[in-house]
Amino acid sequence: MRFIQRLPKPEILERKEDSWRERFVNSDNPRPSNKQYAHQQIRDTLNTMSFHKCFYCERKLKDIPQEVDHFIEVAEIRDLAFDWDNLYLSCDNCNNKIENLRIPVTQALDPCRDTDEIIQEHISFEDEIIRTKNGSQLGLRTIQKFKLNSDQLDKVRLTQIKYFEQLLSKILIAMHQEDRGIHEHEKEALLSFKNPDRPFSLMFKVMLDKYSNLLAS
């Protein structure tokens, strides 16, 4: 999870939000229309905000199911069904949180509210395994609510770590064979793994902190 800066409200919501909300609130439908709150304009803007990643786990959403999620569930506050600030982008793993409705969003981290610094006070990683930091209950509830510790995510994160380790090994071998320090372009290649547009960038930020001596040379 990383902090996400919300972009201006999509034009379709500027035009339709009030009428969509009124129609839904006054209906007996338990859920709003997915064709409305997940309209392509809305989906495109959310993708741009998150660099095409899940707001919660940072998994890249290319070629996998992506869902527009209500951060505060419609069952709790129907008036927020089309509220721009309540629409997030999620993978199917993180959005399948029915069993965790007992954890309110007020007791979990919010990627559109909490800064990177706040998030990192509560969540960390040991290799591909997500952990709470300093026993944080806020971190624990966030992991539980969005299933950030699922086997599925562990496997995907591990695959990304292997890409990183392959690059790191190649650089270390070249440094040894050429009897030299690390080149600037090699540093940049390693550091790029923690850029916000990369998958699981928080995990790699934690990993790269372990190589501070190498990257500072």
N, C-alpha and C. Protein backbone atom coordinates (compact mmCIF):
# COMPACT_ATOMS: atom_id res chain seq x y z
N MET A 1 0.84 -1.19 0.00
CA MET A 1 0.00 0.00 0.00
C MET A 1 0.88 1.25 0.00
N ARG A 2 0.55 2.18 -0.86
CA ARG A 2 1.22 3.47 -0.91
C ARG A 2 0.17 4.58 -0.94
N PHE A 3 0.56 5.79 -0.53
CA PHE A 3 -0.36 6.91 -0.60
C PHE A 3 -0.69 7.21 -2.07
N ILE A 4 -1.97 7.49 -2.33
CA ILE A 4 -2.45 7.77 -3.69
C ILE A 4 -3.13 9.14 -3.70
N GLN A 5 -2.65 10.01 -4.56
CA GLN A 5 -3.23 11.35 -4.70
C GLN A 5 -4.45 11.27 -5.60
N ARG A 6 -5.61 11.66 -5.07
CA ARG A 6 -6.84 11.57 -5.85
C ARG A 6 -6.88 12.66 -6.91
N LEU A 7 -7.22 12.27 -8.13
CA LEU A 7 -7.37 13.20 -9.25
C LEU A 7 -8.76 13.84 -9.22
N PRO A 8 -8.97 14.90 -10.00
CA PRO A 8 -10.30 15.52 -10.05
C PRO A 8 -11.38 14.54 -10.48
N LYS A 9 -12.58 14.81 -10.03
CA LYS A 9 -13.72 13.95 -10.31
C LYS A 9 -13.94 13.81 -11.82
N PRO A 10 -14.12 12.59 -12.31
CA PRO A 10 -14.39 12.39 -13.75
C PRO A 10 -15.65 13.12 -14.19
N GLU A 11 -15.64 13.51 -15.44
CA GLU A 11 -16.74 14.30 -16.00
C GLU A 11 -18.08 13.59 -15.89
N ILE A 12 -18.08 12.28 -16.05
CA ILE A 12 -19.34 11.53 -15.98
C ILE A 12 -19.98 11.66 -14.60
N LEU A 13 -19.17 11.72 -13.56
CA LEU A 13 -19.71 11.90 -12.21
C LEU A 13 -20.18 13.34 -11.99
N GLU A 14 -19.49 14.27 -12.58
CA GLU A 14 -19.94 15.67 -12.48
C GLU A 14 -21.36 15.80 -13.02
N ARG A 15 -21.65 15.06 -14.08
CA ARG A 15 -22.96 15.17 -14.73
C ARG A 15 -24.02 14.27 -14.10
N LYS A 16 -23.61 13.07 -13.68
CA LYS A 16 -24.59 12.05 -13.35
C LYS A 16 -24.69 11.68 -11.86
N GLU A 17 -23.73 12.08 -11.05
CA GLU A 17 -23.68 11.60 -9.67
C GLU A 17 -24.98 11.85 -8.92
N ASP A 18 -25.50 13.05 -8.97
CA ASP A 18 -26.70 13.39 -8.19
C ASP A 18 -27.90 12.55 -8.61
N SER A 19 -28.11 12.43 -9.92
CA SER A 19 -29.27 11.67 -10.40
C SER A 19 -29.10 10.18 -10.12
N TRP A 20 -27.90 9.66 -10.30
CA TRP A 20 -27.65 8.25 -10.00
C TRP A 20 -27.89 7.96 -8.52
N ARG A 21 -27.36 8.84 -7.66
CA ARG A 21 -27.51 8.64 -6.22
C ARG A 21 -28.98 8.69 -5.80
N GLU A 22 -29.70 9.68 -6.28
CA GLU A 22 -31.10 9.82 -5.91
C GLU A 22 -31.92 8.60 -6.33
N ARG A 23 -31.68 8.13 -7.55
CA ARG A 23 -32.41 6.98 -8.05
C ARG A 23 -32.10 5.74 -7.23
N PHE A 24 -30.84 5.55 -6.88
CA PHE A 24 -30.45 4.37 -6.12
C PHE A 24 -30.98 4.44 -4.69
N VAL A 25 -30.81 5.57 -4.01
CA VAL A 25 -31.23 5.72 -2.62
C VAL A 25 -32.73 5.49 -2.47
N ASN A 26 -33.48 5.90 -3.48
CA ASN A 26 -34.94 5.76 -3.42
C ASN A 26 -35.45 4.43 -3.96
N SER A 27 -34.52 3.56 -4.33
CA SER A 27 -34.91 2.25 -4.87
C SER A 27 -34.80 1.19 -3.79
N ASP A 28 -35.24 -0.01 -4.14
CA ASP A 28 -35.09 -1.16 -3.24
C ASP A 28 -33.87 -2.01 -3.58
N ASN A 29 -33.08 -1.56 -4.53
CA ASN A 29 -31.92 -2.34 -4.96
C ASN A 29 -30.86 -2.37 -3.85
N PRO A 30 -30.33 -3.53 -3.54
CA PRO A 30 -29.30 -3.61 -2.49
C PRO A 30 -27.96 -3.04 -2.94
N ARG A 31 -27.73 -3.04 -4.27
CA ARG A 31 -26.46 -2.56 -4.82
C ARG A 31 -26.71 -1.57 -5.95
N PRO A 32 -25.84 -0.57 -6.09
CA PRO A 32 -25.95 0.33 -7.24
C PRO A 32 -25.48 -0.37 -8.51
N SER A 33 -25.77 0.24 -9.64
CA SER A 33 -25.39 -0.35 -10.92
C SER A 33 -23.88 -0.26 -11.15
N ASN A 34 -23.28 -1.41 -11.42
CA ASN A 34 -21.85 -1.45 -11.72
C ASN A 34 -21.53 -0.67 -12.99
N LYS A 35 -22.47 -0.62 -13.90
CA LYS A 35 -22.25 0.13 -15.16
C LYS A 35 -22.12 1.62 -14.88
N GLN A 36 -22.65 2.06 -13.75
CA GLN A 36 -22.58 3.48 -13.39
C GLN A 36 -21.33 3.77 -12.57
N TYR A 37 -21.22 3.18 -11.37
CA TYR A 37 -20.08 3.55 -10.52
C TYR A 37 -18.75 3.01 -11.04
N ALA A 38 -18.80 2.01 -11.94
CA ALA A 38 -17.57 1.50 -12.57
C ALA A 38 -17.52 1.89 -14.04
N HIS A 39 -18.13 3.01 -14.37
CA HIS A 39 -18.09 3.54 -15.73
C HIS A 39 -16.64 3.65 -16.20
N GLN A 40 -16.42 3.50 -17.49
CA GLN A 40 -15.05 3.48 -18.02
C GLN A 40 -14.27 4.75 -17.68
N GLN A 41 -14.92 5.91 -17.68
CA GLN A 41 -14.22 7.14 -17.29
C GLN A 41 -13.72 7.05 -15.85
N ILE A 42 -14.55 6.52 -14.99
CA ILE A 42 -14.17 6.37 -13.58
C ILE A 42 -13.03 5.37 -13.44
N ARG A 43 -13.17 4.26 -14.11
CA ARG A 43 -12.14 3.22 -14.06
C ARG A 43 -10.80 3.74 -14.60
N ASP A 44 -10.85 4.47 -15.70
CA ASP A 44 -9.62 5.01 -16.29
C ASP A 44 -8.92 5.98 -15.35
N THR A 45 -9.70 6.83 -14.69
CA THR A 45 -9.11 7.81 -13.77
C THR A 45 -8.49 7.11 -12.57
N LEU A 46 -9.16 6.11 -12.05
CA LEU A 46 -8.61 5.35 -10.92
C LEU A 46 -7.32 4.63 -11.32
N ASN A 47 -7.29 4.07 -12.52
CA ASN A 47 -6.07 3.43 -13.01
C ASN A 47 -4.92 4.42 -13.12
N THR A 48 -5.21 5.61 -13.61
CA THR A 48 -4.17 6.63 -13.72
C THR A 48 -3.64 7.01 -12.34
N MET A 49 -4.53 7.15 -11.38
CA MET A 49 -4.14 7.51 -10.02
C MET A 49 -3.16 6.50 -9.43
N SER A 50 -3.40 5.23 -9.67
CA SER A 50 -2.63 4.17 -8.99
C SER A 50 -1.59 3.51 -9.88
N PHE A 51 -1.35 4.09 -11.07
CA PHE A 51 -0.40 3.48 -12.01
C PHE A 51 -0.84 2.06 -12.37
N HIS A 52 -2.16 1.88 -12.53
CA HIS A 52 -2.74 0.59 -12.92
C HIS A 52 -2.45 -0.49 -11.88
N LYS A 53 -2.49 -0.10 -10.61
CA LYS A 53 -2.27 -1.06 -9.52
C LYS A 53 -3.48 -1.06 -8.60
N CYS A 54 -3.64 -2.18 -7.89
CA CYS A 54 -4.63 -2.25 -6.82
C CYS A 54 -4.27 -1.23 -5.75
N PHE A 55 -5.26 -0.46 -5.29
CA PHE A 55 -5.03 0.55 -4.27
C PHE A 55 -4.49 -0.05 -2.98
N TYR A 56 -4.83 -1.30 -2.70
CA TYR A 56 -4.50 -1.90 -1.40
C TYR A 56 -3.20 -2.69 -1.42
N CYS A 57 -3.05 -3.61 -2.34
CA CYS A 57 -1.89 -4.50 -2.32
C CYS A 57 -0.78 -4.11 -3.30
N GLU A 58 -1.06 -3.18 -4.21
CA GLU A 58 -0.09 -2.71 -5.22
C GLU A 58 0.18 -3.73 -6.32
N ARG A 59 -0.67 -4.70 -6.45
CA ARG A 59 -0.52 -5.63 -7.55
C ARG A 59 -0.91 -4.96 -8.86
N LYS A 60 -0.13 -5.17 -9.91
CA LYS A 60 -0.48 -4.64 -11.23
C LYS A 60 -1.75 -5.31 -11.72
N LEU A 61 -2.66 -4.52 -12.28
CA LEU A 61 -3.97 -5.02 -12.68
C LEU A 61 -4.06 -5.37 -14.16
N LYS A 62 -2.96 -5.32 -14.86
CA LYS A 62 -2.97 -5.70 -16.27
C LYS A 62 -3.22 -7.20 -16.38
N ASP A 63 -4.20 -7.56 -17.19
CA ASP A 63 -4.52 -8.96 -17.49
C ASP A 63 -5.08 -9.74 -16.30
N ILE A 64 -5.47 -9.06 -15.22
CA ILE A 64 -6.17 -9.74 -14.14
C ILE A 64 -7.43 -8.94 -13.82
N PRO A 65 -8.44 -9.57 -13.19
CA PRO A 65 -9.68 -8.86 -12.90
C PRO A 65 -9.45 -7.64 -12.02
N GLN A 66 -10.03 -6.52 -12.41
CA GLN A 66 -9.98 -5.32 -11.58
C GLN A 66 -11.39 -4.86 -11.29
N GLU A 67 -11.60 -4.34 -10.09
CA GLU A 67 -12.93 -3.98 -9.64
C GLU A 67 -12.92 -2.60 -9.02
N VAL A 68 -13.96 -1.82 -9.29
CA VAL A 68 -14.13 -0.55 -8.60
C VAL A 68 -14.79 -0.86 -7.26
N ASP A 69 -14.11 -0.48 -6.21
CA ASP A 69 -14.51 -0.85 -4.85
C ASP A 69 -15.06 0.37 -4.11
N HIS A 70 -16.11 0.14 -3.32
CA HIS A 70 -16.58 1.17 -2.39
C HIS A 70 -15.79 1.01 -1.09
N PHE A 71 -14.98 2.01 -0.77
CA PHE A 71 -14.16 1.93 0.45
C PHE A 71 -15.07 1.79 1.66
N ILE A 72 -16.07 2.65 1.76
CA ILE A 72 -17.14 2.48 2.75
C ILE A 72 -18.27 1.75 2.04
N GLU A 73 -18.64 0.59 2.54
CA GLU A 73 -19.58 -0.26 1.84
C GLU A 73 -20.94 0.42 1.67
N VAL A 74 -21.57 0.16 0.53
CA VAL A 74 -22.88 0.73 0.23
C VAL A 74 -23.90 0.30 1.28
N ALA A 75 -23.74 -0.91 1.80
CA ALA A 75 -24.66 -1.39 2.84
C ALA A 75 -24.61 -0.53 4.09
N GLU A 76 -23.48 0.16 4.29
CA GLU A 76 -23.34 1.02 5.47
C GLU A 76 -23.93 2.40 5.21
N ILE A 77 -23.56 3.02 4.07
CA ILE A 77 -24.04 4.37 3.75
C ILE A 77 -24.40 4.41 2.26
N ARG A 78 -25.67 4.27 1.96
CA ARG A 78 -26.12 4.24 0.57
C ARG A 78 -25.81 5.54 -0.18
N ASP A 79 -25.79 6.66 0.54
CA ASP A 79 -25.53 7.95 -0.09
C ASP A 79 -24.15 8.04 -0.73
N LEU A 80 -23.23 7.14 -0.34
CA LEU A 80 -21.86 7.20 -0.85
C LEU A 80 -21.63 6.29 -2.06
N ALA A 81 -22.72 5.77 -2.62
CA ALA A 81 -22.60 4.82 -3.73
C ALA A 81 -21.86 5.40 -4.92
N PHE A 82 -21.98 6.71 -5.15
CA PHE A 82 -21.34 7.33 -6.32
C PHE A 82 -20.43 8.49 -5.91
N ASP A 83 -20.10 8.53 -4.63
CA ASP A 83 -19.21 9.58 -4.14
C ASP A 83 -17.79 9.31 -4.64
N TRP A 84 -17.21 10.28 -5.31
CA TRP A 84 -15.89 10.10 -5.93
C TRP A 84 -14.83 9.69 -4.89
N ASP A 85 -14.87 10.30 -3.72
CA ASP A 85 -13.87 10.00 -2.70
C ASP A 85 -14.04 8.61 -2.10
N ASN A 86 -15.14 7.93 -2.42
CA ASN A 86 -15.38 6.60 -1.88
C ASN A 86 -15.11 5.49 -2.90
N LEU A 87 -14.67 5.85 -4.10
CA LEU A 87 -14.43 4.86 -5.15
C LEU A 87 -12.93 4.58 -5.26
N TYR A 88 -12.58 3.31 -5.11
CA TYR A 88 -11.19 2.87 -5.14
C TYR A 88 -11.06 1.77 -6.20
N LEU A 89 -9.82 1.43 -6.55
CA LEU A 89 -9.58 0.37 -7.54
C LEU A 89 -8.93 -0.80 -6.84
N SER A 90 -9.45 -1.99 -7.10
CA SER A 90 -9.00 -3.16 -6.35
C SER A 90 -8.85 -4.37 -7.25
N CYS A 91 -7.93 -5.26 -6.86
CA CYS A 91 -7.91 -6.58 -7.47
C CYS A 91 -9.02 -7.42 -6.82
N ASP A 92 -9.34 -8.55 -7.41
CA ASP A 92 -10.43 -9.36 -6.87
C ASP A 92 -10.08 -9.95 -5.50
N ASN A 93 -8.79 -10.17 -5.24
CA ASN A 93 -8.39 -10.69 -3.93
C ASN A 93 -8.71 -9.69 -2.82
N CYS A 94 -8.31 -8.45 -2.99
CA CYS A 94 -8.48 -7.45 -1.93
C CYS A 94 -9.93 -7.00 -1.79
N ASN A 95 -10.71 -7.10 -2.87
CA ASN A 95 -12.10 -6.66 -2.81
C ASN A 95 -13.02 -7.76 -2.29
N ASN A 96 -12.53 -8.97 -2.20
CA ASN A 96 -13.34 -10.09 -1.70
C ASN A 96 -13.21 -10.16 -0.18
N LYS A 97 -13.78 -9.17 0.49
CA LYS A 97 -13.55 -9.01 1.92
C LYS A 97 -14.83 -9.13 2.73
N ILE A 98 -15.78 -9.91 2.23
CA ILE A 98 -17.06 -10.06 2.93
C ILE A 98 -16.86 -10.55 4.36
N GLU A 99 -15.93 -11.50 4.53
CA GLU A 99 -15.73 -12.05 5.87
C GLU A 99 -15.08 -11.04 6.80
N ASN A 100 -14.57 -9.94 6.25
CA ASN A 100 -13.88 -8.96 7.08
C ASN A 100 -14.66 -7.65 7.21
N LEU A 101 -15.97 -7.71 6.97
CA LEU A 101 -16.80 -6.52 7.17
C LEU A 101 -16.84 -6.12 8.65
N ARG A 102 -16.48 -7.06 9.52
CA ARG A 102 -16.45 -6.75 10.95
C ARG A 102 -15.35 -5.73 11.26
N ILE A 103 -14.40 -5.55 10.34
CA ILE A 103 -13.35 -4.55 10.53
C ILE A 103 -13.75 -3.29 9.77
N PRO A 104 -14.17 -2.25 10.43
CA PRO A 104 -14.57 -1.03 9.72
C PRO A 104 -13.37 -0.33 9.11
N VAL A 105 -13.60 0.44 8.05
CA VAL A 105 -12.50 1.13 7.38
C VAL A 105 -11.83 2.14 8.29
N THR A 106 -12.54 2.60 9.31
CA THR A 106 -11.95 3.54 10.26
C THR A 106 -10.85 2.88 11.09
N GLN A 107 -10.80 1.54 11.08
CA GLN A 107 -9.77 0.82 11.83
C GLN A 107 -8.70 0.24 10.90
N ALA A 108 -8.65 0.73 9.67
CA ALA A 108 -7.66 0.26 8.70
C ALA A 108 -6.99 1.46 8.03
N LEU A 109 -5.82 1.23 7.48
CA LEU A 109 -5.13 2.28 6.73
C LEU A 109 -5.91 2.61 5.47
N ASP A 110 -5.82 3.85 5.04
CA ASP A 110 -6.53 4.34 3.86
C ASP A 110 -5.51 4.92 2.89
N PRO A 111 -5.30 4.28 1.72
CA PRO A 111 -4.28 4.76 0.78
C PRO A 111 -4.55 6.14 0.21
N CYS A 112 -5.78 6.61 0.30
CA CYS A 112 -6.08 7.96 -0.20
C CYS A 112 -6.09 9.00 0.92
N ARG A 113 -5.76 8.58 2.12
CA ARG A 113 -5.68 9.50 3.25
C ARG A 113 -4.31 9.47 3.91
N ASP A 114 -3.80 8.26 4.12
CA ASP A 114 -2.57 8.10 4.90
C ASP A 114 -1.34 8.24 4.01
N THR A 115 -0.39 9.03 4.47
CA THR A 115 0.85 9.24 3.72
C THR A 115 1.71 7.98 3.74
N ASP A 116 2.71 7.95 2.87
CA ASP A 116 3.65 6.82 2.87
C ASP A 116 4.29 6.67 4.25
N GLU A 117 4.62 7.79 4.89
CA GLU A 117 5.27 7.73 6.19
C GLU A 117 4.37 7.06 7.23
N ILE A 118 3.08 7.40 7.21
CA ILE A 118 2.14 6.79 8.15
C ILE A 118 1.99 5.30 7.87
N ILE A 119 1.83 4.96 6.60
CA ILE A 119 1.66 3.55 6.22
C ILE A 119 2.87 2.72 6.67
N GLN A 120 4.06 3.28 6.49
CA GLN A 120 5.27 2.54 6.85
C GLN A 120 5.49 2.46 8.35
N GLU A 121 4.75 3.24 9.13
CA GLU A 121 4.81 3.10 10.59
C GLU A 121 4.07 1.84 11.05
N HIS A 122 3.22 1.30 10.19
CA HIS A 122 2.33 0.20 10.60
C HIS A 122 2.53 -1.09 9.82
N ILE A 123 3.12 -1.02 8.62
CA ILE A 123 3.26 -2.20 7.77
C ILE A 123 4.70 -2.31 7.28
N SER A 124 5.22 -3.53 7.28
CA SER A 124 6.56 -3.78 6.74
C SER A 124 6.56 -5.16 6.07
N PHE A 125 7.74 -5.62 5.65
CA PHE A 125 7.86 -6.90 4.96
C PHE A 125 9.10 -7.64 5.43
N GLU A 126 8.99 -8.96 5.46
CA GLU A 126 10.15 -9.86 5.55
C GLU A 126 10.14 -10.67 4.26
N ASP A 127 11.03 -10.28 3.33
CA ASP A 127 10.97 -10.80 1.97
C ASP A 127 9.57 -10.55 1.41
N GLU A 128 8.88 -11.60 0.93
CA GLU A 128 7.55 -11.39 0.34
C GLU A 128 6.42 -11.39 1.37
N ILE A 129 6.74 -11.66 2.62
CA ILE A 129 5.72 -11.80 3.67
C ILE A 129 5.44 -10.44 4.31
N ILE A 130 4.19 -10.02 4.25
CA ILE A 130 3.80 -8.74 4.86
C ILE A 130 3.66 -8.92 6.36
N ARG A 131 4.15 -7.92 7.11
CA ARG A 131 4.12 -7.98 8.57
C ARG A 131 3.62 -6.65 9.14
N THR A 132 3.12 -6.72 10.37
CA THR A 132 2.87 -5.47 11.07
C THR A 132 4.21 -4.93 11.58
N LYS A 133 4.26 -3.65 11.79
CA LYS A 133 5.48 -3.03 12.31
C LYS A 133 5.26 -2.67 13.77
N ASN A 134 6.16 -3.12 14.63
CA ASN A 134 6.09 -2.83 16.06
C ASN A 134 4.75 -3.26 16.66
N GLY A 135 4.20 -4.37 16.15
CA GLY A 135 2.96 -4.90 16.69
C GLY A 135 1.74 -4.02 16.46
N SER A 136 1.78 -3.21 15.42
CA SER A 136 0.69 -2.27 15.16
C SER A 136 -0.65 -2.97 14.95
N GLN A 137 -1.65 -2.59 15.73
CA GLN A 137 -3.00 -3.12 15.54
C GLN A 137 -3.64 -2.54 14.29
N LEU A 138 -3.31 -1.30 13.97
CA LEU A 138 -3.82 -0.69 12.74
C LEU A 138 -3.28 -1.44 11.53
N GLY A 139 -2.00 -1.77 11.57
CA GLY A 139 -1.41 -2.56 10.49
C GLY A 139 -2.03 -3.93 10.38
N LEU A 140 -2.25 -4.58 11.53
CA LEU A 140 -2.83 -5.92 11.55
C LEU A 140 -4.24 -5.91 10.96
N ARG A 141 -5.06 -4.95 11.36
CA ARG A 141 -6.43 -4.89 10.85
C ARG A 141 -6.46 -4.58 9.36
N THR A 142 -5.51 -3.78 8.90
CA THR A 142 -5.41 -3.49 7.47
C THR A 142 -5.08 -4.76 6.68
N ILE A 143 -4.11 -5.51 7.16
CA ILE A 143 -3.72 -6.77 6.51
C ILE A 143 -4.91 -7.74 6.49
N GLN A 144 -5.62 -7.83 7.59
CA GLN A 144 -6.75 -8.76 7.68
C GLN A 144 -7.90 -8.32 6.77
N LYS A 145 -8.23 -7.05 6.80
CA LYS A 145 -9.39 -6.57 6.06
C LYS A 145 -9.22 -6.77 4.56
N PHE A 146 -8.03 -6.45 4.04
CA PHE A 146 -7.81 -6.52 2.60
C PHE A 146 -7.07 -7.78 2.17
N LYS A 147 -6.91 -8.72 3.11
CA LYS A 147 -6.27 -10.01 2.82
C LYS A 147 -4.91 -9.85 2.15
N LEU A 148 -4.13 -8.95 2.70
CA LEU A 148 -2.81 -8.66 2.12
C LEU A 148 -1.80 -9.77 2.39
N ASN A 149 -2.16 -10.72 3.23
CA ASN A 149 -1.27 -11.85 3.53
C ASN A 149 -1.75 -13.15 2.88
N SER A 150 -2.53 -13.05 1.81
CA SER A 150 -3.02 -14.26 1.15
C SER A 150 -1.88 -15.00 0.46
N ASP A 151 -2.04 -16.31 0.31
CA ASP A 151 -1.04 -17.12 -0.40
C ASP A 151 -0.85 -16.61 -1.82
N GLN A 152 -1.94 -16.20 -2.43
CA GLN A 152 -1.88 -15.69 -3.80
C GLN A 152 -0.95 -14.50 -3.91
N LEU A 153 -1.08 -13.55 -2.98
CA LEU A 153 -0.23 -12.36 -3.01
C LEU A 153 1.22 -12.70 -2.66
N ASP A 154 1.42 -13.63 -1.73
CA ASP A 154 2.78 -14.05 -1.40
C ASP A 154 3.50 -14.57 -2.65
N LYS A 155 2.81 -15.36 -3.45
CA LYS A 155 3.42 -15.94 -4.65
C LYS A 155 3.75 -14.87 -5.68
N VAL A 156 2.85 -13.91 -5.86
CA VAL A 156 3.09 -12.85 -6.85
C VAL A 156 4.23 -11.95 -6.38
N ARG A 157 4.25 -11.64 -5.09
CA ARG A 157 5.35 -10.80 -4.57
C ARG A 157 6.68 -11.52 -4.70
N LEU A 158 6.70 -12.83 -4.43
CA LEU A 158 7.93 -13.59 -4.54
C LEU A 158 8.46 -13.58 -5.97
N THR A 159 7.58 -13.66 -6.94
CA THR A 159 7.99 -13.59 -8.35
C THR A 159 8.69 -12.27 -8.63
N GLN A 160 8.15 -11.17 -8.12
CA GLN A 160 8.76 -9.86 -8.33
C GLN A 160 10.12 -9.77 -7.63
N ILE A 161 10.24 -10.37 -6.46
CA ILE A 161 11.52 -10.37 -5.75
C ILE A 161 12.58 -11.11 -6.56
N LYS A 162 12.18 -12.18 -7.24
CA LYS A 162 13.14 -12.93 -8.06
C LYS A 162 13.69 -12.07 -9.19
N TYR A 163 12.84 -11.22 -9.78
CA TYR A 163 13.32 -10.30 -10.81
C TYR A 163 14.37 -9.35 -10.23
N PHE A 164 14.08 -8.85 -9.03
CA PHE A 164 15.02 -7.94 -8.36
C PHE A 164 16.33 -8.66 -8.06
N GLU A 165 16.25 -9.87 -7.54
CA GLU A 165 17.45 -10.60 -7.15
C GLU A 165 18.30 -10.98 -8.37
N GLN A 166 17.65 -11.26 -9.49
CA GLN A 166 18.39 -11.55 -10.71
C GLN A 166 19.21 -10.33 -11.16
N LEU A 167 18.58 -9.15 -11.08
CA LEU A 167 19.29 -7.92 -11.45
C LEU A 167 20.42 -7.64 -10.47
N LEU A 168 20.13 -7.78 -9.17
CA LEU A 168 21.15 -7.53 -8.15
C LEU A 168 22.34 -8.47 -8.33
N SER A 169 22.07 -9.75 -8.58
CA SER A 169 23.15 -10.72 -8.78
C SER A 169 24.00 -10.36 -9.99
N LYS A 170 23.36 -9.95 -11.06
CA LYS A 170 24.09 -9.56 -12.27
C LYS A 170 25.01 -8.38 -11.99
N ILE A 171 24.53 -7.41 -11.22
CA ILE A 171 25.33 -6.23 -10.90
C ILE A 171 26.50 -6.61 -9.99
N LEU A 172 26.25 -7.42 -8.98
CA LEU A 172 27.31 -7.81 -8.04
C LEU A 172 28.40 -8.62 -8.74
N ILE A 173 28.01 -9.49 -9.67
CA ILE A 173 29.00 -10.28 -10.43
C ILE A 173 29.86 -9.35 -11.28
N ALA A 174 29.24 -8.39 -11.94
CA ALA A 174 29.99 -7.44 -12.77
C ALA A 174 30.94 -6.60 -11.92
N MET A 175 30.50 -6.17 -10.75
CA MET A 175 31.36 -5.39 -9.86
C MET A 175 32.58 -6.21 -9.43
N HIS A 176 32.35 -7.49 -9.13
CA HIS A 176 33.46 -8.35 -8.70
C HIS A 176 34.43 -8.62 -9.86
N GLN A 177 33.89 -8.94 -11.02
CA GLN A 177 34.74 -9.27 -12.16
C GLN A 177 35.55 -8.07 -12.63
N GLU A 178 34.97 -6.88 -12.54
CA GLU A 178 35.62 -5.67 -13.01
C GLU A 178 36.31 -4.90 -11.90
N ASP A 179 36.24 -5.46 -10.69
CA ASP A 179 36.89 -4.85 -9.53
C ASP A 179 36.55 -3.36 -9.42
N ARG A 180 35.28 -3.08 -9.27
CA ARG A 180 34.81 -1.69 -9.25
C ARG A 180 33.62 -1.55 -8.31
N GLY A 181 33.25 -0.30 -8.09
CA GLY A 181 32.04 -0.01 -7.34
C GLY A 181 30.82 -0.07 -8.25
N ILE A 182 29.68 0.23 -7.68
CA ILE A 182 28.44 0.19 -8.44
C ILE A 182 28.33 1.43 -9.31
N HIS A 183 27.89 1.25 -10.55
CA HIS A 183 27.69 2.37 -11.47
C HIS A 183 26.37 3.07 -11.16
N GLU A 184 26.29 4.33 -11.57
CA GLU A 184 25.09 5.12 -11.28
C GLU A 184 23.85 4.53 -11.95
N HIS A 185 24.00 4.06 -13.19
CA HIS A 185 22.84 3.50 -13.86
C HIS A 185 22.38 2.19 -13.21
N GLU A 186 23.31 1.48 -12.56
CA GLU A 186 22.94 0.26 -11.84
C GLU A 186 22.18 0.60 -10.56
N LYS A 187 22.62 1.65 -9.88
CA LYS A 187 21.87 2.13 -8.71
C LYS A 187 20.44 2.49 -9.10
N GLU A 188 20.34 3.25 -10.19
CA GLU A 188 19.02 3.71 -10.63
C GLU A 188 18.11 2.53 -10.97
N ALA A 189 18.70 1.50 -11.59
CA ALA A 189 17.90 0.32 -11.95
C ALA A 189 17.37 -0.38 -10.70
N LEU A 190 18.20 -0.49 -9.67
CA LEU A 190 17.76 -1.13 -8.43
C LEU A 190 16.73 -0.26 -7.70
N LEU A 191 17.01 1.03 -7.61
CA LEU A 191 16.12 1.94 -6.89
C LEU A 191 14.76 2.08 -7.58
N SER A 192 14.72 1.81 -8.89
CA SER A 192 13.46 1.96 -9.61
C SER A 192 12.38 1.01 -9.10
N PHE A 193 12.80 -0.08 -8.43
CA PHE A 193 11.82 -1.04 -7.92
C PHE A 193 10.92 -0.43 -6.85
N LYS A 194 11.36 0.65 -6.21
CA LYS A 194 10.53 1.27 -5.17
C LYS A 194 9.76 2.48 -5.68
N ASN A 195 9.83 2.75 -6.98
CA ASN A 195 9.05 3.84 -7.55
C ASN A 195 7.56 3.53 -7.47
N PRO A 196 6.71 4.54 -7.25
CA PRO A 196 5.27 4.29 -7.08
C PRO A 196 4.60 3.59 -8.25
N ASP A 197 5.20 3.66 -9.45
CA ASP A 197 4.57 3.01 -10.60
C ASP A 197 4.91 1.52 -10.69
N ARG A 198 5.79 1.04 -9.82
CA ARG A 198 6.18 -0.36 -9.86
C ARG A 198 5.30 -1.19 -8.93
N PRO A 199 5.09 -2.47 -9.26
CA PRO A 199 4.30 -3.32 -8.36
C PRO A 199 5.01 -3.53 -7.03
N PHE A 200 4.23 -3.53 -5.95
CA PHE A 200 4.74 -3.81 -4.61
C PHE A 200 5.90 -2.90 -4.22
N SER A 201 5.77 -1.63 -4.53
CA SER A 201 6.87 -0.68 -4.32
C SER A 201 7.22 -0.50 -2.84
N LEU A 202 6.23 -0.62 -1.94
CA LEU A 202 6.56 -0.51 -0.52
C LEU A 202 7.45 -1.68 -0.09
N MET A 203 7.15 -2.87 -0.56
CA MET A 203 7.97 -4.03 -0.24
C MET A 203 9.41 -3.80 -0.69
N PHE A 204 9.59 -3.25 -1.88
CA PHE A 204 10.94 -3.03 -2.37
C PHE A 204 11.64 -1.89 -1.66
N LYS A 205 10.88 -0.92 -1.18
CA LYS A 205 11.50 0.14 -0.38
C LYS A 205 12.10 -0.46 0.88
N VAL A 206 11.38 -1.37 1.51
CA VAL A 206 11.90 -2.06 2.70
C VAL A 206 13.13 -2.88 2.34
N MET A 207 13.07 -3.60 1.22
CA MET A 207 14.21 -4.43 0.80
C MET A 207 15.43 -3.58 0.52
N LEU A 208 15.23 -2.47 -0.19
CA LEU A 208 16.36 -1.64 -0.60
C LEU A 208 17.04 -0.97 0.58
N ASP A 209 16.31 -0.77 1.66
CA ASP A 209 16.94 -0.20 2.86
C ASP A 209 18.05 -1.11 3.38
N LYS A 210 17.95 -2.41 3.08
CA LYS A 210 18.99 -3.36 3.53
C LYS A 210 20.27 -3.21 2.71
N TYR A 211 20.16 -2.56 1.56
CA TYR A 211 21.33 -2.40 0.69
C TYR A 211 21.80 -0.95 0.67
N SER A 212 21.55 -0.24 1.75
CA SER A 212 21.91 1.18 1.79
C SER A 212 23.40 1.41 1.61
N ASN A 213 24.23 0.52 2.17
CA ASN A 213 25.69 0.69 2.04
C ASN A 213 26.10 0.52 0.57
N LEU A 214 25.56 -0.46 -0.10
CA LEU A 214 25.89 -0.67 -1.51
C LEU A 214 25.45 0.52 -2.35
N LEU A 215 24.24 1.01 -2.10
CA LEU A 215 23.70 2.10 -2.92
C LEU A 215 24.32 3.44 -2.59
N ALA A 216 24.96 3.55 -1.44
CA ALA A 216 25.61 4.80 -1.07
C ALA A 216 27.05 4.87 -1.56
N SER A 217 27.58 3.74 -2.03
CA SER A 217 29.01 3.71 -2.44
C SER A 217 29.22 4.38 -3.79
